[in-house]
PDB file of all heavy atoms in Angstrom:
ATOM      1  N   TYR A   1      90.752 184.320 191.177  1.00  0.00           N
ATOM      2  CA  TYR A   1      92.223 184.465 190.874  1.00  0.00           C
ATOM      3  C   TYR A   1      92.919 183.144 191.419  1.00  0.00           C
ATOM      4  O   TYR A   1      93.527 183.138 192.375  1.00  0.00           O
ATOM      5  CB  TYR A   1      92.775 185.693 191.500  1.00  0.00           C
ATOM      6  CG  TYR A   1      92.160 186.912 190.807  1.00  0.00           C
ATOM      7  CD1 TYR A   1      91.276 187.720 191.570  1.00  0.00           C
ATOM      8  CD2 TYR A   1      92.516 187.250 189.517  1.00  0.00           C
ATOM      9  CE1 TYR A   1      90.783 188.800 190.974  1.00  0.00           C
ATOM     10  CE2 TYR A   1      91.879 188.344 188.955  1.00  0.00           C
ATOM     11  CZ  TYR A   1      90.993 189.125 189.737  1.00  0.00           C
ATOM     12  OH  TYR A   1      90.478 190.268 189.150  1.00  0.00           O
ATOM     13  N   THR A   2      92.736 182.149 190.572  1.00  0.00           N
ATOM     14  CA  THR A   2      93.264 180.800 191.003  1.00  0.00           C
ATOM     15  C   THR A   2      93.675 180.004 189.782  1.00  0.00           C
ATOM     16  O   THR A   2      93.304 180.365 188.699  1.00  0.00           O
ATOM     17  CB  THR A   2      92.192 180.038 191.687  1.00  0.00           C
ATOM     18  OG1 THR A   2      92.681 178.779 192.099  1.00  0.00           O
ATOM     19  CG2 THR A   2      90.935 179.616 190.829  1.00  0.00           C
ATOM     20  N   SER A   3      94.619 179.108 189.974  1.00  0.00           N
ATOM     21  CA  SER A   3      94.960 178.154 188.899  1.00  0.00           C
ATOM     22  C   SER A   3      93.986 176.949 189.043  1.00  0.00           C
ATOM     23  O   SER A   3      93.671 176.546 190.098  1.00  0.00           O
ATOM     24  CB  SER A   3      96.275 177.630 189.072  1.00  0.00           C
ATOM     25  OG  SER A   3      97.189 178.718 188.929  1.00  0.00           O
ATOM     26  N   ALA A   4      93.381 176.609 188.023  1.00  0.00           N
ATOM     27  CA  ALA A   4      92.409 175.563 187.865  1.00  0.00           C
ATOM     28  C   ALA A   4      92.911 174.532 186.761  1.00  0.00           C
ATOM     29  O   ALA A   4      93.574 175.018 185.824  1.00  0.00           O
ATOM     30  CB  ALA A   4      91.049 175.933 187.758  1.00  0.00           C
ATOM     31  N   PRO A   5      92.568 173.311 186.861  1.00  0.00           N
ATOM     32  CA  PRO A   5      92.863 172.466 185.838  1.00  0.00           C
ATOM     33  C   PRO A   5      92.242 172.949 184.409  1.00  0.00           C
ATOM     34  O   PRO A   5      91.192 173.636 184.529  1.00  0.00           O
ATOM     35  CB  PRO A   5      92.208 171.053 186.183  1.00  0.00           C
ATOM     36  CG  PRO A   5      92.039 171.205 187.747  1.00  0.00           C
ATOM     37  CD  PRO A   5      91.804 172.554 187.964  1.00  0.00           C
ATOM     38  N   SER A   6      92.962 172.707 183.348  1.00  0.00           N
ATOM     39  CA  SER A   6      92.325 173.242 182.080  1.00  0.00           C
ATOM     40  C   SER A   6      91.238 172.310 181.545  1.00  0.00           C
ATOM     41  O   SER A   6      90.468 172.805 180.792  1.00  0.00           O
ATOM     42  CB  SER A   6      93.456 173.211 181.007  1.00  0.00           C
ATOM     43  OG  SER A   6      94.027 171.958 180.891  1.00  0.00           O
ATOM     44  N   GLU A   7      91.011 171.109 182.104  1.00  0.00           N
ATOM     45  CA  GLU A   7      89.965 170.233 181.713  1.00  0.00           C
ATOM     46  C   GLU A   7      89.348 169.664 182.921  1.00  0.00           C
ATOM     47  O   GLU A   7      90.008 169.521 183.995  1.00  0.00           O
ATOM     48  CB  GLU A   7      90.482 169.160 180.937  1.00  0.00           C
ATOM     49  CG  GLU A   7      91.067 169.612 179.505  1.00  0.00           C
ATOM     50  CD  GLU A   7      91.571 168.435 178.655  1.00  0.00           C
ATOM     51  OE1 GLU A   7      91.298 167.291 178.920  1.00  0.00           O
ATOM     52  OE2 GLU A   7      92.049 168.728 177.561  1.00  0.00           O
ATOM     53  N   PRO A   8      88.092 169.339 182.873  1.00  0.00           N
ATOM     54  CA  PRO A   8      87.397 168.721 184.066  1.00  0.00           C
ATOM     55  C   PRO A   8      88.095 167.335 184.391  1.00  0.00           C
ATOM     56  O   PRO A   8      88.777 166.674 183.484  1.00  0.00           O
ATOM     57  CB  PRO A   8      85.956 168.531 183.603  1.00  0.00           C
ATOM     58  CG  PRO A   8      85.973 168.567 182.078  1.00  0.00           C
ATOM     59  CD  PRO A   8      87.200 169.378 181.620  1.00  0.00           C
ATOM     60  N   PRO A   9      87.820 166.924 185.587  1.00  0.00           N
ATOM     61  CA  PRO A   9      88.437 165.598 185.994  1.00  0.00           C
ATOM     62  C   PRO A   9      87.864 164.534 185.155  1.00  0.00           C
ATOM     63  O   PRO A   9      86.819 164.704 184.606  1.00  0.00           O
ATOM     64  CB  PRO A   9      87.966 165.418 187.415  1.00  0.00           C
ATOM     65  CG  PRO A   9      87.099 166.606 187.758  1.00  0.00           C
ATOM     66  CD  PRO A   9      87.112 167.567 186.603  1.00  0.00           C
ATOM     67  N   THR A  10      88.656 163.411 185.031  1.00  0.00           N
ATOM     68  CA  THR A  10      88.156 162.394 184.147  1.00  0.00           C
ATOM     69  C   THR A  10      86.947 161.547 184.850  1.00  0.00           C
ATOM     70  O   THR A  10      86.194 160.933 184.089  1.00  0.00           O
ATOM     71  CB  THR A  10      89.376 161.347 183.862  1.00  0.00           C
ATOM     72  OG1 THR A  10      89.857 160.990 185.149  1.00  0.00           O
ATOM     73  CG2 THR A  10      90.367 162.055 182.988  1.00  0.00           C
ATOM     74  N   HIS A  11      86.817 161.526 186.193  1.00  0.00           N
ATOM     75  CA  HIS A  11      85.821 160.926 186.853  1.00  0.00           C
ATOM     76  C   HIS A  11      84.550 161.980 186.992  1.00  0.00           C
ATOM     77  O   HIS A  11      84.858 163.260 186.970  1.00  0.00           O
ATOM     78  CB  HIS A  11      86.197 160.328 188.154  1.00  0.00           C
ATOM     79  CG  HIS A  11      86.529 161.309 189.131  1.00  0.00           C
ATOM     80  ND1 HIS A  11      87.711 161.972 189.083  1.00  0.00           N
ATOM     81  CD2 HIS A  11      85.966 161.739 190.274  1.00  0.00           C
ATOM     82  CE1 HIS A  11      87.933 162.864 190.229  1.00  0.00           C
ATOM     83  NE2 HIS A  11      86.826 162.688 190.860  1.00  0.00           N
ATOM     84  N   ARG A  12      83.450 161.480 187.202  1.00  0.00           N
ATOM     85  CA  ARG A  12      82.234 162.404 187.315  1.00  0.00           C
ATOM     86  C   ARG A  12      82.392 163.213 188.610  1.00  0.00           C
ATOM     87  O   ARG A  12      82.380 162.721 189.650  1.00  0.00           O
ATOM     88  CB  ARG A  12      81.001 161.623 187.302  1.00  0.00           C
ATOM     89  CG  ARG A  12      79.792 162.535 187.580  1.00  0.00           C
ATOM     90  CD  ARG A  12      78.561 161.872 187.147  1.00  0.00           C
ATOM     91  NE  ARG A  12      77.407 162.503 187.738  1.00  0.00           N
ATOM     92  CZ  ARG A  12      77.029 163.814 187.726  1.00  0.00           C
ATOM     93  NH1 ARG A  12      77.775 164.582 187.019  1.00  0.00           N
ATOM     94  NH2 ARG A  12      75.879 164.269 188.189  1.00  0.00           N
ATOM     95  N   LEU A  13      82.597 164.541 188.446  1.00  0.00           N
ATOM     96  CA  LEU A  13      82.727 165.504 189.521  1.00  0.00           C
ATOM     97  C   LEU A  13      82.036 166.663 189.189  1.00  0.00           C
ATOM     98  O   LEU A  13      82.610 167.491 188.443  1.00  0.00           O
ATOM     99  CB  LEU A  13      84.185 165.688 189.976  1.00  0.00           C
ATOM    100  CG  LEU A  13      84.356 166.647 191.130  1.00  0.00           C
ATOM    101  CD1 LEU A  13      83.778 165.933 192.538  1.00  0.00           C
ATOM    102  CD2 LEU A  13      85.821 166.842 191.384  1.00  0.00           C
ATOM    103  N   ASP A  14      80.801 166.951 189.657  1.00  0.00           N
ATOM    104  CA  ASP A  14      80.184 168.137 189.292  1.00  0.00           C
ATOM    105  C   ASP A  14      80.756 169.334 190.063  1.00  0.00           C
ATOM    106  O   ASP A  14      80.842 169.226 191.313  1.00  0.00           O
ATOM    107  CB  ASP A  14      78.608 168.005 189.679  1.00  0.00           C
ATOM    108  CG  ASP A  14      77.802 169.135 189.128  1.00  0.00           C
ATOM    109  OD1 ASP A  14      78.236 169.911 188.254  1.00  0.00           O
ATOM    110  OD2 ASP A  14      76.654 169.309 189.645  1.00  0.00           O
ATOM    111  N   THR A  15      81.276 170.283 189.423  1.00  0.00           N
ATOM    112  CA  THR A  15      82.037 171.422 190.007  1.00  0.00           C
ATOM    113  C   THR A  15      81.069 172.666 190.046  1.00  0.00           C
ATOM    114  O   THR A  15      80.638 173.209 189.039  1.00  0.00           O
ATOM    115  CB  THR A  15      83.330 171.601 189.456  1.00  0.00           C
ATOM    116  OG1 THR A  15      84.093 170.373 189.336  1.00  0.00           O
ATOM    117  CG2 THR A  15      84.166 172.648 190.065  1.00  0.00           C
ATOM    118  N   LEU A  16      81.075 173.289 191.229  1.00  0.00           N
ATOM    119  CA  LEU A  16      80.348 174.524 191.312  1.00  0.00           C
ATOM    120  C   LEU A  16      81.377 175.624 191.956  1.00  0.00           C
ATOM    121  O   LEU A  16      81.959 175.328 193.083  1.00  0.00           O
ATOM    122  CB  LEU A  16      79.140 174.398 192.287  1.00  0.00           C
ATOM    123  CG  LEU A  16      78.454 175.713 192.602  1.00  0.00           C
ATOM    124  CD1 LEU A  16      77.891 176.310 191.324  1.00  0.00           C
ATOM    125  CD2 LEU A  16      77.235 175.506 193.598  1.00  0.00           C
ATOM    126  N   TRP A  17      81.723 176.566 191.141  1.00  0.00           N
ATOM    127  CA  TRP A  17      82.626 177.678 191.692  1.00  0.00           C
ATOM    128  C   TRP A  17      81.761 178.723 192.140  1.00  0.00           C
ATOM    129  O   TRP A  17      81.009 179.342 191.571  1.00  0.00           O
ATOM    130  CB  TRP A  17      83.427 178.158 190.430  1.00  0.00           C
ATOM    131  CG  TRP A  17      84.164 177.223 189.694  1.00  0.00           C
ATOM    132  CD1 TRP A  17      83.830 176.574 188.557  1.00  0.00           C
ATOM    133  CD2 TRP A  17      85.490 176.687 190.063  1.00  0.00           C
ATOM    134  NE1 TRP A  17      84.895 175.684 188.154  1.00  0.00           N
ATOM    135  CE2 TRP A  17      85.922 175.771 189.037  1.00  0.00           C
ATOM    136  CE3 TRP A  17      86.377 177.019 191.013  1.00  0.00           C
ATOM    137  CZ2 TRP A  17      87.160 175.127 189.062  1.00  0.00           C
ATOM    138  CZ3 TRP A  17      87.642 176.297 191.082  1.00  0.00           C
ATOM    139  CH2 TRP A  17      88.005 175.404 190.102  1.00  0.00           C
ATOM    140  N   ILE A  18      82.032 179.066 193.495  1.00  0.00           N
ATOM    141  CA  ILE A  18      81.277 180.232 194.170  1.00  0.00           C
ATOM    142  C   ILE A  18      82.328 181.325 194.146  1.00  0.00           C
ATOM    143  O   ILE A  18      83.416 181.259 194.797  1.00  0.00           O
ATOM    144  CB  ILE A  18      81.028 179.880 195.569  1.00  0.00           C
ATOM    145  CG1 ILE A  18      80.218 178.582 195.774  1.00  0.00           C
ATOM    146  CG2 ILE A  18      80.274 181.098 196.267  1.00  0.00           C
ATOM    147  CD1 ILE A  18      78.780 178.563 195.104  1.00  0.00           C
ATOM    148  N   VAL A  19      82.134 182.389 193.227  1.00  0.00           N
ATOM    149  CA  VAL A  19      83.083 183.329 192.953  1.00  0.00           C
ATOM    150  C   VAL A  19      82.682 184.736 193.362  1.00  0.00           C
ATOM    151  O   VAL A  19      81.502 185.077 193.149  1.00  0.00           O
ATOM    152  CB  VAL A  19      83.278 183.404 191.370  1.00  0.00           C
ATOM    153  CG1 VAL A  19      84.219 184.491 191.041  1.00  0.00           C
ATOM    154  CG2 VAL A  19      83.702 182.010 190.829  1.00  0.00           C
ATOM    155  N   THR A  20      83.512 185.465 194.166  1.00  0.00           N
ATOM    156  CA  THR A  20      83.336 186.754 194.709  1.00  0.00           C
ATOM    157  C   THR A  20      83.699 187.753 193.842  1.00  0.00           C
ATOM    158  O   THR A  20      83.454 189.038 194.077  1.00  0.00           O
ATOM    159  CB  THR A  20      84.020 186.892 196.081  1.00  0.00           C
ATOM    160  OG1 THR A  20      85.437 186.825 195.885  1.00  0.00           O
ATOM    161  CG2 THR A  20      83.543 185.805 197.059  1.00  0.00           C
ATOM    162  N   ASN A  21      84.283 187.508 192.742  1.00  0.00           N
ATOM    163  CA  ASN A  21      84.723 188.561 191.767  1.00  0.00           C
ATOM    164  C   ASN A  21      83.913 188.590 190.482  1.00  0.00           C
ATOM    165  O   ASN A  21      83.936 187.643 189.751  1.00  0.00           O
ATOM    166  CB  ASN A  21      86.205 188.500 191.392  1.00  0.00           C
ATOM    167  CG  ASN A  21      86.785 189.492 190.619  1.00  0.00           C
ATOM    168  OD1 ASN A  21      86.069 190.092 189.673  1.00  0.00           O
ATOM    169  ND2 ASN A  21      88.045 189.911 190.871  1.00  0.00           N
ATOM    170  N   SER A  22      83.105 189.701 190.167  1.00  0.00           N
ATOM    171  CA  SER A  22      82.225 189.540 189.023  1.00  0.00           C
ATOM    172  C   SER A  22      82.960 189.746 187.712  1.00  0.00           C
ATOM    173  O   SER A  22      82.452 189.487 186.644  1.00  0.00           O
ATOM    174  CB  SER A  22      81.222 190.746 189.119  1.00  0.00           C
ATOM    175  OG  SER A  22      81.972 191.958 189.122  1.00  0.00           O
ATOM    176  N   LYS A  23      84.267 189.962 187.673  1.00  0.00           N
ATOM    177  CA  LYS A  23      84.990 190.106 186.503  1.00  0.00           C
ATOM    178  C   LYS A  23      85.595 188.768 186.001  1.00  0.00           C
ATOM    179  O   LYS A  23      86.056 188.675 184.868  1.00  0.00           O
ATOM    180  CB  LYS A  23      86.234 191.049 186.668  1.00  0.00           C
ATOM    181  CG  LYS A  23      85.595 192.434 186.890  1.00  0.00           C
ATOM    182  CD  LYS A  23      86.772 193.456 187.175  1.00  0.00           C
ATOM    183  CE  LYS A  23      86.174 194.838 187.524  1.00  0.00           C
ATOM    184  NZ  LYS A  23      87.046 195.679 188.004  1.00  0.00           N
ATOM    185  N   ILE A  24      85.535 187.650 186.743  1.00  0.00           N
ATOM    186  CA  ILE A  24      86.045 186.381 186.423  1.00  0.00           C
ATOM    187  C   ILE A  24      85.151 185.839 185.404  1.00  0.00           C
ATOM    188  O   ILE A  24      83.997 185.788 185.553  1.00  0.00           O
ATOM    189  CB  ILE A  24      86.296 185.468 187.619  1.00  0.00           C
ATOM    190  CG1 ILE A  24      87.169 186.053 188.608  1.00  0.00           C
ATOM    191  CG2 ILE A  24      86.638 184.014 187.203  1.00  0.00           C
ATOM    192  CD1 ILE A  24      88.579 186.387 188.105  1.00  0.00           C
ATOM    193  N   THR A  25      85.706 185.453 184.224  1.00  0.00           N
ATOM    194  CA  THR A  25      84.904 184.700 183.154  1.00  0.00           C
ATOM    195  C   THR A  25      85.118 183.272 183.027  1.00  0.00           C
ATOM    196  O   THR A  25      86.070 182.732 183.706  1.00  0.00           O
ATOM    197  CB  THR A  25      85.395 185.457 181.876  1.00  0.00           C
ATOM    198  OG1 THR A  25      86.696 185.226 181.599  1.00  0.00           O
ATOM    199  CG2 THR A  25      85.099 186.917 181.862  1.00  0.00           C
TER     200      THR A  25
END
């Protein structure tokens, strides 16, 4: 339950979201 950018960063940044809520899509 967070606000996140709508698009990935313009520079290479591999993003791994560790999520505790199984309903997040």
